Amino acid sequence: CKDDIRKQFSFLPFDEKKNIAIMNKMEKENSVAIHLRKGADYLQSELMGKGLCGVEYYIKAIEYIKQNVDNPVFYVFTDNPEWVKNNLPKFDYILVDWNEVAGKKNFRDMQLMSCAKHNIIANSTYSWWGAWLNPNPNKIVIGPTKFFNPINKFFSSSDIMCEDWVRI
């Protein structure tokens, strides 16, 4: 039912000039969408964010992309740009920070993430959907080995990642 799901979960066309420009740019290069959930709510959550997808995860994921993709261009989607600036080693990226995070168009970042050629996802269903809806048949998707904190007995990290995705 993969095709049916993709059809049902299609996005409205962009109507914002900045998003159209970035989408067109992403199509012409080896674009990599990196999603980081680093807001205070996530960083302090014992069940979801605390201790997961740390600096080491993102460094390894970026290095993996650099070793496997020619001339990657990184696009960072985050709820905490300061965390990225202060914690990740210096690397060139384009910060996507103009789309609303709540409201009628809160899906625009997910839509842009799906336009990238490749994805590095957080332990977040928002970035998971952005990567899954990415139509590139040759995409590399990197996701965390631990999607949920092991103390979270309701969910398992074992079956959330697609078979052909890279776990770090």
N, C-alpha and C. Protein backbone atom coordinates (compact mmCIF):
# COMPACT_ATOMS: atom_id res chain seq x y z
N CYS A 1 0.82 -1.21 0.00
CA CYS A 1 0.00 0.00 0.00
C CYS A 1 0.86 1.27 0.00
N LYS A 2 2.17 1.09 -0.19
CA LYS A 2 3.08 2.25 -0.17
C LYS A 2 2.65 3.34 -1.17
N ASP A 3 2.29 2.94 -2.38
CA ASP A 3 1.90 3.93 -3.40
C ASP A 3 0.63 4.67 -3.00
N ASP A 4 -0.32 3.94 -2.40
CA ASP A 4 -1.56 4.57 -1.95
C ASP A 4 -1.29 5.59 -0.84
N ILE A 5 -0.40 5.23 0.07
CA ILE A 5 -0.06 6.15 1.17
C ILE A 5 0.61 7.40 0.62
N ARG A 6 1.56 7.21 -0.30
CA ARG A 6 2.24 8.37 -0.89
C ARG A 6 1.25 9.28 -1.62
N LYS A 7 0.28 8.69 -2.28
CA LYS A 7 -0.73 9.47 -3.00
C LYS A 7 -1.59 10.27 -2.02
N GLN A 8 -1.99 9.63 -0.93
CA GLN A 8 -2.83 10.29 0.07
C GLN A 8 -2.08 11.38 0.84
N PHE A 9 -0.79 11.18 1.03
CA PHE A 9 0.02 12.13 1.79
C PHE A 9 0.85 13.00 0.87
N SER A 10 0.24 13.48 -0.19
CA SER A 10 0.94 14.40 -1.09
C SER A 10 0.76 15.83 -0.57
N PHE A 11 1.73 16.66 -0.86
CA PHE A 11 1.73 18.04 -0.36
C PHE A 11 1.04 18.98 -1.35
N LEU A 12 0.51 20.06 -0.82
CA LEU A 12 0.04 21.15 -1.67
C LEU A 12 1.26 21.79 -2.32
N PRO A 13 1.14 22.31 -3.53
CA PRO A 13 2.29 22.98 -4.15
C PRO A 13 2.74 24.17 -3.31
N PHE A 14 4.03 24.44 -3.35
CA PHE A 14 4.54 25.63 -2.66
C PHE A 14 3.94 26.88 -3.28
N ASP A 15 3.64 27.86 -2.45
CA ASP A 15 3.21 29.16 -2.95
C ASP A 15 4.06 30.28 -2.35
N GLU A 16 5.10 29.90 -1.63
CA GLU A 16 6.01 30.88 -1.04
C GLU A 16 7.29 30.93 -1.89
N LYS A 17 7.68 32.12 -2.32
CA LYS A 17 8.83 32.28 -3.22
C LYS A 17 10.10 31.66 -2.66
N LYS A 18 10.34 31.82 -1.37
CA LYS A 18 11.57 31.30 -0.77
C LYS A 18 11.59 29.77 -0.80
N ASN A 19 10.47 29.13 -0.51
CA ASN A 19 10.40 27.67 -0.57
C ASN A 19 10.55 27.15 -1.99
N ILE A 20 9.95 27.85 -2.95
CA ILE A 20 10.08 27.45 -4.35
C ILE A 20 11.54 27.53 -4.78
N ALA A 21 12.22 28.60 -4.40
CA ALA A 21 13.63 28.78 -4.76
C ALA A 21 14.50 27.68 -4.15
N ILE A 22 14.26 27.37 -2.88
CA ILE A 22 15.06 26.32 -2.22
C ILE A 22 14.76 24.96 -2.82
N MET A 23 13.50 24.66 -3.10
CA MET A 23 13.14 23.39 -3.73
C MET A 23 13.85 23.24 -5.08
N ASN A 24 13.85 24.28 -5.89
CA ASN A 24 14.52 24.23 -7.19
C ASN A 24 16.02 24.05 -7.03
N LYS A 25 16.61 24.71 -6.03
CA LYS A 25 18.04 24.57 -5.76
C LYS A 25 18.35 23.14 -5.31
N MET A 26 17.54 22.59 -4.44
CA MET A 26 17.76 21.23 -3.93
C MET A 26 17.72 20.19 -5.05
N GLU A 27 16.86 20.41 -6.03
CA GLU A 27 16.72 19.47 -7.14
C GLU A 27 17.96 19.41 -8.01
N LYS A 28 18.75 20.50 -8.04
CA LYS A 28 19.90 20.60 -8.93
C LYS A 28 21.21 20.18 -8.30
N GLU A 29 21.21 19.83 -7.03
CA GLU A 29 22.45 19.50 -6.33
C GLU A 29 22.26 18.25 -5.49
N ASN A 30 23.31 17.77 -4.88
CA ASN A 30 23.23 16.62 -3.97
C ASN A 30 22.82 17.12 -2.60
N SER A 31 21.58 17.49 -2.50
CA SER A 31 21.04 18.09 -1.28
C SER A 31 20.81 17.03 -0.20
N VAL A 32 21.08 17.44 1.04
CA VAL A 32 20.90 16.57 2.20
C VAL A 32 20.13 17.37 3.26
N ALA A 33 18.94 16.89 3.60
CA ALA A 33 18.16 17.53 4.66
C ALA A 33 18.57 16.91 5.99
N ILE A 34 18.93 17.76 6.95
CA ILE A 34 19.26 17.31 8.30
C ILE A 34 18.21 17.88 9.24
N HIS A 35 17.51 17.00 9.96
CA HIS A 35 16.51 17.46 10.91
C HIS A 35 17.02 17.23 12.32
N LEU A 36 16.95 18.26 13.14
CA LEU A 36 17.39 18.18 14.54
C LEU A 36 16.28 18.67 15.44
N ARG A 37 15.80 17.81 16.33
CA ARG A 37 14.84 18.21 17.36
C ARG A 37 15.64 18.52 18.61
N LYS A 38 15.81 19.78 18.91
CA LYS A 38 16.63 20.17 20.06
C LYS A 38 15.99 21.27 20.89
N GLY A 39 14.66 21.36 20.83
CA GLY A 39 13.95 22.30 21.69
C GLY A 39 13.97 21.82 23.13
N ALA A 40 13.72 22.71 24.05
CA ALA A 40 13.76 22.36 25.48
C ALA A 40 12.83 21.21 25.81
N ASP A 41 11.65 21.16 25.17
CA ASP A 41 10.71 20.07 25.44
C ASP A 41 11.31 18.72 25.09
N TYR A 42 12.04 18.64 24.01
CA TYR A 42 12.62 17.37 23.56
C TYR A 42 13.86 17.01 24.36
N LEU A 43 14.72 17.98 24.60
CA LEU A 43 15.97 17.72 25.32
C LEU A 43 15.73 17.24 26.74
N GLN A 44 14.61 17.64 27.34
CA GLN A 44 14.33 17.27 28.72
C GLN A 44 13.41 16.06 28.85
N SER A 45 12.89 15.54 27.74
CA SER A 45 11.95 14.43 27.79
C SER A 45 12.69 13.11 27.98
N GLU A 46 12.42 12.44 29.09
CA GLU A 46 13.03 11.15 29.36
C GLU A 46 12.63 10.11 28.32
N LEU A 47 11.41 10.19 27.82
CA LEU A 47 10.92 9.18 26.89
C LEU A 47 11.39 9.40 25.46
N MET A 48 11.54 10.63 25.04
CA MET A 48 11.82 10.88 23.62
C MET A 48 13.21 11.43 23.32
N GLY A 49 13.57 12.54 23.91
CA GLY A 49 14.74 13.24 23.42
C GLY A 49 16.00 13.16 24.24
N LYS A 50 15.87 13.03 25.53
CA LYS A 50 17.03 13.11 26.41
C LYS A 50 17.99 11.95 26.14
N GLY A 51 19.20 12.29 25.74
CA GLY A 51 20.23 11.28 25.51
C GLY A 51 20.18 10.62 24.15
N LEU A 52 19.26 11.02 23.29
CA LEU A 52 19.17 10.43 21.95
C LEU A 52 19.57 11.46 20.90
N CYS A 53 20.11 10.99 19.80
CA CYS A 53 20.51 11.84 18.67
C CYS A 53 21.40 12.99 19.14
N GLY A 54 22.47 12.62 19.82
CA GLY A 54 23.41 13.61 20.31
C GLY A 54 24.40 14.05 19.24
N VAL A 55 25.38 14.81 19.68
CA VAL A 55 26.40 15.35 18.78
C VAL A 55 27.06 14.24 17.98
N GLU A 56 27.42 13.12 18.64
CA GLU A 56 28.12 12.03 17.96
C GLU A 56 27.30 11.46 16.81
N TYR A 57 26.00 11.32 17.04
CA TYR A 57 25.12 10.80 15.98
C TYR A 57 25.20 11.69 14.74
N TYR A 58 25.04 13.00 14.92
CA TYR A 58 25.04 13.90 13.77
C TYR A 58 26.41 13.98 13.11
N ILE A 59 27.48 13.96 13.88
CA ILE A 59 28.83 13.97 13.30
C ILE A 59 29.04 12.73 12.43
N LYS A 60 28.68 11.55 12.94
CA LYS A 60 28.83 10.31 12.18
C LYS A 60 27.95 10.31 10.93
N ALA A 61 26.74 10.82 11.05
CA ALA A 61 25.82 10.86 9.91
C ALA A 61 26.35 11.80 8.82
N ILE A 62 26.85 12.96 9.21
CA ILE A 62 27.41 13.91 8.24
C ILE A 62 28.63 13.31 7.56
N GLU A 63 29.49 12.66 8.33
CA GLU A 63 30.68 12.01 7.76
C GLU A 63 30.29 10.90 6.79
N TYR A 64 29.28 10.12 7.14
CA TYR A 64 28.80 9.06 6.26
C TYR A 64 28.36 9.65 4.91
N ILE A 65 27.60 10.72 4.98
CA ILE A 65 27.15 11.38 3.74
C ILE A 65 28.35 11.89 2.95
N LYS A 66 29.29 12.55 3.61
CA LYS A 66 30.46 13.08 2.90
C LYS A 66 31.26 11.99 2.22
N GLN A 67 31.28 10.79 2.80
CA GLN A 67 32.02 9.66 2.22
C GLN A 67 31.24 8.98 1.09
N ASN A 68 29.93 9.16 1.04
CA ASN A 68 29.11 8.42 0.08
C ASN A 68 28.36 9.28 -0.94
N VAL A 69 28.46 10.59 -0.82
CA VAL A 69 27.77 11.50 -1.73
C VAL A 69 28.77 12.55 -2.22
N ASP A 70 28.86 12.71 -3.52
CA ASP A 70 29.74 13.73 -4.08
C ASP A 70 29.15 15.12 -3.86
N ASN A 71 29.98 16.00 -3.35
CA ASN A 71 29.61 17.41 -3.16
C ASN A 71 28.24 17.61 -2.49
N PRO A 72 28.06 17.06 -1.30
CA PRO A 72 26.76 17.24 -0.64
C PRO A 72 26.54 18.69 -0.22
N VAL A 73 25.30 19.13 -0.30
CA VAL A 73 24.91 20.46 0.18
C VAL A 73 23.90 20.21 1.29
N PHE A 74 24.23 20.65 2.50
CA PHE A 74 23.42 20.36 3.68
C PHE A 74 22.42 21.48 3.96
N TYR A 75 21.19 21.08 4.27
CA TYR A 75 20.11 21.97 4.67
C TYR A 75 19.69 21.55 6.07
N VAL A 76 19.77 22.46 7.01
CA VAL A 76 19.46 22.16 8.41
C VAL A 76 18.07 22.69 8.75
N PHE A 77 17.26 21.79 9.29
CA PHE A 77 15.91 22.10 9.77
C PHE A 77 15.93 21.82 11.26
N THR A 78 15.68 22.83 12.08
CA THR A 78 15.78 22.63 13.53
C THR A 78 14.88 23.60 14.28
N ASP A 79 14.52 23.19 15.48
CA ASP A 79 13.80 24.09 16.37
C ASP A 79 14.76 24.80 17.32
N ASN A 80 16.07 24.60 17.13
CA ASN A 80 17.06 25.21 18.00
C ASN A 80 18.36 25.48 17.24
N PRO A 81 18.40 26.54 16.39
CA PRO A 81 19.61 26.84 15.62
C PRO A 81 20.84 27.08 16.49
N GLU A 82 20.64 27.60 17.70
CA GLU A 82 21.78 27.84 18.60
C GLU A 82 22.45 26.53 18.98
N TRP A 83 21.67 25.47 19.20
CA TRP A 83 22.24 24.16 19.53
C TRP A 83 23.13 23.69 18.40
N VAL A 84 22.68 23.84 17.17
CA VAL A 84 23.47 23.43 16.01
C VAL A 84 24.77 24.22 15.97
N LYS A 85 24.65 25.52 16.11
CA LYS A 85 25.82 26.42 16.05
C LYS A 85 26.83 26.09 17.16
N ASN A 86 26.34 25.79 18.35
CA ASN A 86 27.21 25.58 19.50
C ASN A 86 27.72 24.15 19.67
N ASN A 87 27.08 23.18 19.03
CA ASN A 87 27.42 21.79 19.29
C ASN A 87 28.01 21.03 18.12
N LEU A 88 27.62 21.37 16.92
CA LEU A 88 28.16 20.63 15.79
C LEU A 88 29.42 21.31 15.29
N PRO A 89 30.38 20.51 14.85
CA PRO A 89 31.60 21.11 14.31
C PRO A 89 31.25 21.95 13.09
N LYS A 90 32.12 22.85 12.80
CA LYS A 90 31.86 23.73 11.67
C LYS A 90 31.73 22.93 10.38
N PHE A 91 30.61 23.12 9.71
CA PHE A 91 30.41 22.57 8.38
C PHE A 91 29.46 23.52 7.66
N ASP A 92 29.56 23.56 6.36
CA ASP A 92 28.72 24.47 5.59
C ASP A 92 27.31 23.92 5.49
N TYR A 93 26.34 24.76 5.78
CA TYR A 93 24.94 24.36 5.64
C TYR A 93 24.08 25.59 5.43
N ILE A 94 22.90 25.34 4.91
CA ILE A 94 21.89 26.37 4.75
C ILE A 94 20.84 26.12 5.83
N LEU A 95 20.61 27.12 6.65
CA LEU A 95 19.61 27.01 7.71
C LEU A 95 18.24 27.38 7.15
N VAL A 96 17.30 26.46 7.28
CA VAL A 96 15.93 26.72 6.85
C VAL A 96 15.14 27.07 8.10
N ASP A 97 14.84 28.35 8.26
CA ASP A 97 14.23 28.80 9.51
C ASP A 97 13.07 29.78 9.29
N TRP A 98 12.51 29.78 8.10
CA TRP A 98 11.47 30.76 7.80
C TRP A 98 10.04 30.20 7.80
N ASN A 99 9.88 28.90 7.83
CA ASN A 99 8.53 28.32 7.81
C ASN A 99 7.96 28.26 9.21
N GLU A 100 6.64 28.43 9.30
CA GLU A 100 5.99 28.41 10.61
C GLU A 100 6.01 26.99 11.18
N VAL A 101 6.17 26.89 12.49
CA VAL A 101 6.21 25.58 13.15
C VAL A 101 4.84 25.19 13.70
N ALA A 102 3.90 26.10 13.68
CA ALA A 102 2.53 25.81 14.10
C ALA A 102 1.60 26.53 13.13
N GLY A 103 0.41 26.02 12.98
CA GLY A 103 -0.53 26.67 12.09
C GLY A 103 -0.78 25.88 10.82
N LYS A 104 -1.47 26.51 9.89
CA LYS A 104 -1.92 25.83 8.68
C LYS A 104 -0.81 25.33 7.77
N LYS A 105 0.35 25.96 7.82
CA LYS A 105 1.44 25.57 6.92
C LYS A 105 2.63 25.00 7.69
N ASN A 106 2.36 24.34 8.79
CA ASN A 106 3.47 23.79 9.58
C ASN A 106 4.09 22.56 8.93
N PHE A 107 3.60 22.15 7.78
CA PHE A 107 4.14 21.00 7.05
C PHE A 107 5.23 21.40 6.06
N ARG A 108 5.46 22.69 5.87
CA ARG A 108 6.38 23.14 4.82
C ARG A 108 7.82 22.64 5.02
N ASP A 109 8.31 22.60 6.25
CA ASP A 109 9.66 22.06 6.46
C ASP A 109 9.71 20.59 6.07
N MET A 110 8.68 19.82 6.44
CA MET A 110 8.63 18.41 6.07
C MET A 110 8.63 18.27 4.55
N GLN A 111 7.89 19.13 3.90
CA GLN A 111 7.81 19.10 2.44
C GLN A 111 9.18 19.38 1.83
N LEU A 112 9.87 20.39 2.34
CA LEU A 112 11.21 20.69 1.83
C LEU A 112 12.17 19.54 2.11
N MET A 113 12.07 18.92 3.29
CA MET A 113 12.93 17.77 3.60
C MET A 113 12.71 16.65 2.59
N SER A 114 11.47 16.49 2.14
CA SER A 114 11.18 15.43 1.16
C SER A 114 11.72 15.77 -0.23
N CYS A 115 12.07 17.03 -0.46
CA CYS A 115 12.63 17.45 -1.75
C CYS A 115 14.13 17.22 -1.85
N ALA A 116 14.79 17.00 -0.72
CA ALA A 116 16.24 16.77 -0.74
C ALA A 116 16.53 15.42 -1.39
N LYS A 117 17.74 15.26 -1.87
CA LYS A 117 18.14 13.97 -2.45
C LYS A 117 18.36 12.93 -1.35
N HIS A 118 18.79 13.40 -0.16
CA HIS A 118 19.12 12.49 0.94
C HIS A 118 18.65 13.12 2.25
N ASN A 119 18.53 12.28 3.30
CA ASN A 119 18.02 12.77 4.58
C ASN A 119 18.81 12.20 5.75
N ILE A 120 19.05 13.04 6.73
CA ILE A 120 19.52 12.63 8.05
C ILE A 120 18.39 13.02 8.99
N ILE A 121 17.80 12.00 9.62
CA ILE A 121 16.61 12.28 10.42
C ILE A 121 16.91 12.25 11.92
N ALA A 122 16.07 12.92 12.65
CA ALA A 122 16.09 12.88 14.12
C ALA A 122 15.18 11.73 14.55
N ASN A 123 15.12 11.49 15.84
CA ASN A 123 14.14 10.52 16.35
C ASN A 123 12.81 11.25 16.49
N SER A 124 12.27 11.55 15.35
CA SER A 124 11.06 12.37 15.25
C SER A 124 10.23 11.86 14.08
N THR A 125 8.95 11.64 14.31
CA THR A 125 8.10 11.19 13.20
C THR A 125 8.00 12.26 12.13
N TYR A 126 8.17 13.51 12.47
CA TYR A 126 8.13 14.60 11.49
C TYR A 126 9.24 14.40 10.46
N SER A 127 10.47 14.17 10.91
CA SER A 127 11.55 13.96 9.94
C SER A 127 11.47 12.59 9.29
N TRP A 128 10.92 11.58 10.01
CA TRP A 128 10.74 10.25 9.43
C TRP A 128 9.84 10.37 8.20
N TRP A 129 8.71 11.09 8.34
CA TRP A 129 7.80 11.27 7.20
C TRP A 129 8.46 12.06 6.08
N GLY A 130 9.24 13.07 6.43
CA GLY A 130 9.94 13.84 5.40
C GLY A 130 10.84 12.94 4.57
N ALA A 131 11.54 12.02 5.22
CA ALA A 131 12.43 11.08 4.51
C ALA A 131 11.64 10.03 3.75
N TRP A 132 10.59 9.51 4.38
CA TRP A 132 9.81 8.45 3.74
C TRP A 132 9.09 8.96 2.49
N LEU A 133 8.63 10.21 2.53
CA LEU A 133 7.94 10.79 1.38
C LEU A 133 8.90 11.30 0.31
N ASN A 134 10.18 11.26 0.58
CA ASN A 134 11.19 11.64 -0.40
C ASN A 134 11.13 10.64 -1.56
N PRO A 135 10.82 11.09 -2.79
CA PRO A 135 10.63 10.17 -3.91
C PRO A 135 11.93 9.68 -4.57
N ASN A 136 13.07 10.18 -4.16
CA ASN A 136 14.33 9.79 -4.79
C ASN A 136 14.59 8.30 -4.59
N PRO A 137 14.62 7.51 -5.67
CA PRO A 137 14.83 6.06 -5.51
C PRO A 137 16.24 5.71 -5.04
N ASN A 138 17.18 6.65 -5.17
CA ASN A 138 18.58 6.39 -4.78
C ASN A 138 18.96 7.14 -3.50
N LYS A 139 17.98 7.55 -2.74
CA LYS A 139 18.25 8.34 -1.54
C LYS A 139 19.00 7.51 -0.50
N ILE A 140 19.81 8.23 0.27
CA ILE A 140 20.41 7.67 1.48
C ILE A 140 19.66 8.33 2.62
N VAL A 141 19.10 7.50 3.49
CA VAL A 141 18.44 8.02 4.69
C VAL A 141 19.20 7.46 5.89
N ILE A 142 19.63 8.36 6.75
CA ILE A 142 20.33 7.96 7.97
C ILE A 142 19.43 8.29 9.15
N GLY A 143 19.27 7.30 10.02
CA GLY A 143 18.45 7.48 11.21
C GLY A 143 19.11 6.87 12.42
N PRO A 144 18.63 7.23 13.59
CA PRO A 144 19.25 6.74 14.82
C PRO A 144 18.90 5.28 15.11
N THR A 145 19.88 4.56 15.61
CA THR A 145 19.65 3.18 16.04
C THR A 145 18.62 3.16 17.17
N LYS A 146 18.73 4.12 18.07
CA LYS A 146 17.75 4.25 19.16
C LYS A 146 16.82 5.41 18.83
N PHE A 147 15.64 5.07 18.34
CA PHE A 147 14.65 6.07 17.99
C PHE A 147 13.87 6.50 19.24
N PHE A 148 13.66 5.55 20.14
CA PHE A 148 12.97 5.81 21.41
C PHE A 148 13.90 5.45 22.55
N ASN A 149 13.78 6.16 23.65
CA ASN A 149 14.54 5.82 24.84
C ASN A 149 14.11 4.43 25.30
N PRO A 150 15.07 3.55 25.62
CA PRO A 150 14.71 2.19 26.04
C PRO A 150 13.76 2.12 27.24
N ILE A 151 13.67 3.19 28.04
CA ILE A 151 12.73 3.16 29.16
C ILE A 151 11.28 3.29 28.69
N ASN A 152 11.10 3.69 27.43
CA ASN A 152 9.78 3.82 26.86
C ASN A 152 9.30 2.43 26.44
N LYS A 153 8.52 1.78 27.27
CA LYS A 153 8.08 0.40 27.06
C LYS A 153 7.00 0.27 25.98
N PHE A 154 6.41 1.38 25.57
CA PHE A 154 5.31 1.32 24.63
C PHE A 154 5.77 1.19 23.18
N PHE A 155 7.00 1.62 22.89
CA PHE A 155 7.48 1.64 21.52
C PHE A 155 8.81 0.93 21.41
N SER A 156 9.07 0.37 20.24
CA SER A 156 10.34 -0.30 19.98
C SER A 156 11.05 0.40 18.84
N SER A 157 12.35 0.57 18.97
CA SER A 157 13.15 1.17 17.90
C SER A 157 13.44 0.17 16.79
N SER A 158 13.16 -1.10 17.03
CA SER A 158 13.58 -2.14 16.10
C SER A 158 12.85 -2.11 14.76
N ASP A 159 11.63 -1.61 14.72
CA ASP A 159 10.90 -1.70 13.47
C ASP A 159 10.47 -0.36 12.87
N ILE A 160 11.02 0.72 13.37
CA ILE A 160 10.60 2.02 12.84
C ILE A 160 11.40 2.44 11.62
N MET A 161 12.62 1.97 11.52
CA MET A 161 13.47 2.34 10.38
C MET A 161 13.21 1.41 9.20
N CYS A 162 13.15 1.97 8.01
CA CYS A 162 12.97 1.15 6.80
C CYS A 162 14.22 0.30 6.57
N GLU A 163 14.02 -0.81 5.89
CA GLU A 163 15.10 -1.79 5.70
C GLU A 163 16.35 -1.21 5.04
N ASP A 164 16.17 -0.35 4.05
CA ASP A 164 17.32 0.16 3.31
C ASP A 164 17.90 1.45 3.90
N TRP A 165 17.41 1.88 5.04
CA TRP A 165 17.95 3.07 5.69
C TRP A 165 19.15 2.69 6.53
N VAL A 166 20.08 3.63 6.68
CA VAL A 166 21.29 3.42 7.45
C VAL A 166 21.03 3.80 8.90
N ARG A 167 21.40 2.90 9.81
CA ARG A 167 21.24 3.17 11.25
C ARG A 167 22.59 3.53 11.85
N ILE A 168 22.60 4.63 12.58
CA ILE A 168 23.83 5.05 13.28
C ILE A 168 23.46 5.27 14.73
